[in-house]
Amino acid sequence: MSDLWKPEIRQANPATSFAGPATEHATIGRSIVIKGEVSGQEALFVDGTVEGAIRFPDHRVSVGRGSQVTADITAKDVVVMGSVKGNIHCSDLLDVRAESTIRGDIVSRRIRIDDGAVLRGSVEIQAAVKSVKEPEPARVETAVVPPAVNPVPVAAAAAAAGAATSPKRVAGSSVLLKPE
């Protein structure tokens, strides 16, 4: 066989997959109990117990299967796989997985609910906010139109137009005449 083609064998790297590198996030472990406010600037995975408030307005908060969260959650995305007692406010997507429970009011732009999930409270879906730019005022440019080589008198053009109801172009000019 030729040395031109050699199969390359690579070991699987657990930190990467075909979809790209694994997302890094902070984790509250199973044995951790937090009473108070939890906030930050990265994604959060809750596998333990949180009582109070969770605020990650620009990131994802995931509530694990065995977790007990008694807190209001404010985040860009929220994934619930366990139990949440409190209001949830998402600026993008709430993903409620099977066998999860939410007791509280929900405000989100999008929501996805698996069969077997339990929701008690109100759900408000907000419309996506579109940034609307003020239209710029139209610029009107004026120009002087030079006279045509053989100008036709306006009276002659009007007589040529006769009783027609549509505007007529004056020959050799960019002037439109509208009959009276």
Protein backbone atom coordinates (compact mmCIF):
# COMPACT_ATOMS: atom_id res chain seq x y z
CA MET A 1 0.00 0.00 0.00
CA SER A 2 0.95 3.54 -0.61
CA ASP A 3 2.03 5.91 2.14
CA LEU A 4 -0.23 8.61 0.70
CA TRP A 5 -3.29 7.60 2.72
CA LYS A 6 -2.97 6.80 6.38
CA PRO A 7 -6.01 6.72 8.64
CA GLU A 8 -5.73 9.05 11.60
CA ILE A 9 -6.80 7.68 14.97
CA ARG A 10 -7.92 10.21 17.54
CA GLN A 11 -8.89 9.71 21.14
CA ALA A 12 -12.26 11.15 22.12
CA ASN A 13 -11.89 14.31 24.11
CA PRO A 14 -14.64 14.55 26.77
CA ALA A 15 -14.40 18.36 26.81
CA THR A 16 -15.40 18.62 23.15
CA SER A 17 -18.00 17.02 20.96
CA PHE A 18 -19.20 17.42 17.42
CA ALA A 19 -21.27 20.39 18.61
CA GLY A 20 -18.20 22.14 20.00
CA PRO A 21 -16.71 22.50 23.45
CA ALA A 22 -18.76 21.76 26.53
CA THR A 23 -20.32 24.80 28.13
CA GLU A 24 -18.69 25.81 31.37
CA HIS A 25 -20.94 26.67 34.28
CA ALA A 26 -20.93 27.09 38.04
CA THR A 27 -22.48 24.23 40.02
CA ILE A 28 -24.27 24.10 43.36
CA GLY A 29 -23.71 20.49 44.42
CA ARG A 30 -26.24 18.04 45.91
CA SER A 31 -25.14 18.53 49.50
CA ILE A 32 -25.07 22.34 49.29
CA VAL A 33 -27.85 24.43 50.88
CA ILE A 34 -27.89 28.16 50.13
CA LYS A 35 -30.22 30.61 51.88
CA GLY A 36 -30.12 34.08 50.33
CA GLU A 37 -29.41 35.54 46.91
CA VAL A 38 -27.29 33.79 44.30
CA SER A 39 -26.11 35.89 41.36
CA GLY A 40 -23.32 35.84 38.82
CA GLN A 41 -22.06 36.36 35.30
CA GLU A 42 -21.88 32.76 34.07
CA ALA A 43 -24.25 29.84 33.62
CA LEU A 44 -25.42 28.08 36.81
CA PHE A 45 -26.40 24.46 37.44
CA VAL A 46 -28.29 23.87 40.70
CA ASP A 47 -28.17 20.30 41.96
CA GLY A 48 -28.70 21.17 45.64
CA THR A 49 -31.08 23.41 47.58
CA VAL A 50 -31.50 27.17 47.17
CA GLU A 51 -33.88 29.34 49.20
CA GLY A 52 -34.11 33.05 48.34
CA ALA A 53 -33.38 34.47 44.88
CA ILE A 54 -31.37 33.41 41.84
CA ARG A 55 -30.35 36.25 39.48
CA PHE A 56 -28.40 35.50 36.30
CA PRO A 57 -30.05 37.92 33.82
CA ASP A 58 -27.61 37.27 30.95
CA HIS A 59 -27.08 33.52 31.40
CA ARG A 60 -28.75 30.14 31.78
CA VAL A 61 -29.90 28.64 35.07
CA SER A 62 -30.48 24.88 35.12
CA VAL A 63 -32.32 23.21 38.00
CA GLY A 64 -31.24 19.57 38.31
CA ARG A 65 -33.52 16.56 38.80
CA GLY A 66 -32.95 16.12 42.52
CA SER A 67 -32.81 19.79 43.42
CA GLN A 68 -35.23 21.77 45.57
CA VAL A 69 -35.37 25.47 44.69
CA THR A 70 -37.58 27.79 46.74
CA ALA A 71 -36.59 31.03 45.05
CA ASP A 72 -37.53 33.55 42.41
CA ILE A 73 -35.39 32.96 39.32
CA THR A 74 -34.37 35.69 36.88
CA ALA A 75 -32.27 34.51 33.91
CA LYS A 76 -31.93 34.59 30.15
CA ASP A 77 -32.78 30.87 29.88
CA VAL A 78 -34.09 28.51 32.56
CA VAL A 79 -34.12 24.72 32.34
CA VAL A 80 -36.17 23.00 35.06
CA MET A 81 -35.67 19.28 35.66
CA GLY A 82 -36.45 19.29 39.42
CA SER A 83 -38.71 21.32 41.71
CA VAL A 84 -39.10 25.12 41.75
CA LYS A 85 -41.35 27.04 44.15
CA GLY A 86 -41.17 30.67 43.11
CA ASN A 87 -41.64 32.99 40.18
CA ILE A 88 -39.56 32.54 37.04
CA HIS A 89 -38.70 35.44 34.74
CA CYS A 90 -36.85 34.51 31.51
CA SER A 91 -35.76 36.97 28.89
CA ASP A 92 -35.66 34.15 26.31
CA LEU A 93 -36.56 30.46 26.89
CA LEU A 94 -38.06 28.43 29.73
CA ASP A 95 -37.52 24.70 29.17
CA VAL A 96 -39.65 22.55 31.51
CA ARG A 97 -38.59 18.92 31.38
CA ALA A 98 -40.63 15.80 32.15
CA GLU A 99 -41.24 15.00 35.84
CA SER A 100 -40.41 18.56 36.93
CA THR A 101 -42.65 20.76 39.09
CA ILE A 102 -43.06 24.55 39.07
CA ARG A 103 -45.28 26.42 41.55
CA GLY A 104 -45.27 30.11 40.74
CA ASP A 105 -45.83 32.67 38.04
CA ILE A 106 -43.88 32.46 34.80
CA VAL A 107 -42.94 35.30 32.45
CA SER A 108 -40.97 34.30 29.37
CA ARG A 109 -40.56 35.05 25.69
CA ARG A 110 -40.64 31.35 24.74
CA ILE A 111 -41.60 28.21 26.64
CA ARG A 112 -41.14 24.48 26.00
CA ILE A 113 -42.96 21.95 28.19
CA ASP A 114 -42.41 18.18 28.13
CA ASP A 115 -45.21 15.72 28.85
CA GLY A 116 -45.34 14.85 32.54
CA ALA A 117 -44.32 18.30 33.81
CA VAL A 118 -46.51 19.97 36.44
CA LEU A 119 -47.15 23.73 36.41
CA ARG A 120 -49.20 25.63 39.02
CA GLY A 121 -49.46 29.36 38.50
CA SER A 122 -49.83 31.78 35.64
CA VAL A 123 -47.87 31.83 32.40
CA GLU A 124 -47.27 35.05 30.48
CA ILE A 125 -45.58 34.91 27.09
CA GLN A 126 -44.07 38.24 26.08
CA ALA A 127 -43.60 39.33 22.51
CA ALA A 128 -40.07 39.66 21.25
CA VAL A 129 -38.82 43.22 21.46
CA LYS A 130 -37.76 44.46 18.06
CA SER A 131 -35.47 47.41 17.88
CA VAL A 132 -37.20 49.89 15.62
CA LYS A 133 -35.12 52.69 14.23
CA GLU A 134 -36.67 56.06 13.66
CA PRO A 135 -36.81 56.63 9.92
CA GLU A 136 -34.51 59.38 8.88
CA PRO A 137 -36.21 62.38 7.35
CA ALA A 138 -36.24 62.19 3.57
CA ARG A 139 -33.66 64.38 1.95
CA VAL A 140 -35.05 66.53 -0.81
CA GLU A 141 -32.55 67.70 -3.34
CA THR A 142 -33.38 70.40 -5.82
CA ALA A 143 -31.77 70.81 -9.16
CA VAL A 144 -32.03 73.35 -11.91
CA VAL A 145 -33.15 71.72 -15.13
CA PRO A 146 -31.59 73.42 -18.16
CA PRO A 147 -34.01 74.42 -20.89
CA ALA A 148 -34.46 71.97 -23.74
CA VAL A 149 -32.82 72.57 -27.09
CA ASN A 150 -36.20 73.14 -28.77
CA PRO A 151 -38.47 74.26 -25.99
CA VAL A 152 -42.18 73.92 -26.58
CA PRO A 153 -44.27 76.76 -25.21
CA VAL A 154 -46.47 75.74 -22.31
CA ALA A 155 -49.61 76.97 -24.07
CA ALA A 156 -48.81 74.85 -27.12
CA ALA A 157 -48.18 71.82 -24.94
CA ALA A 158 -51.49 72.34 -23.16
CA ALA A 159 -53.31 72.66 -26.48
CA ALA A 160 -51.62 69.47 -27.71
CA ALA A 161 -52.75 67.67 -24.58
CA GLY A 162 -56.33 68.58 -25.40
CA ALA A 163 -58.98 67.27 -23.07
CA ALA A 164 -56.90 64.28 -21.94
CA THR A 165 -57.10 63.61 -18.21
CA SER A 166 -53.63 62.20 -17.69
CA PRO A 167 -50.49 64.32 -17.41
CA LYS A 168 -48.47 64.65 -20.61
CA ARG A 169 -44.74 65.10 -20.95
CA VAL A 170 -43.62 68.17 -22.80
CA ALA A 171 -41.48 67.09 -25.74
CA GLY A 172 -37.76 67.51 -25.08
CA SER A 173 -38.31 68.31 -21.38
CA SER A 174 -38.71 66.63 -18.02
CA VAL A 175 -41.78 68.76 -17.26
CA LEU A 176 -45.15 67.08 -16.84
CA LEU A 177 -48.26 69.08 -17.57
CA LYS A 178 -51.53 68.20 -15.97
CA PRO A 179 -54.59 69.39 -17.92
CA GLU A 180 -57.00 71.64 -16.08
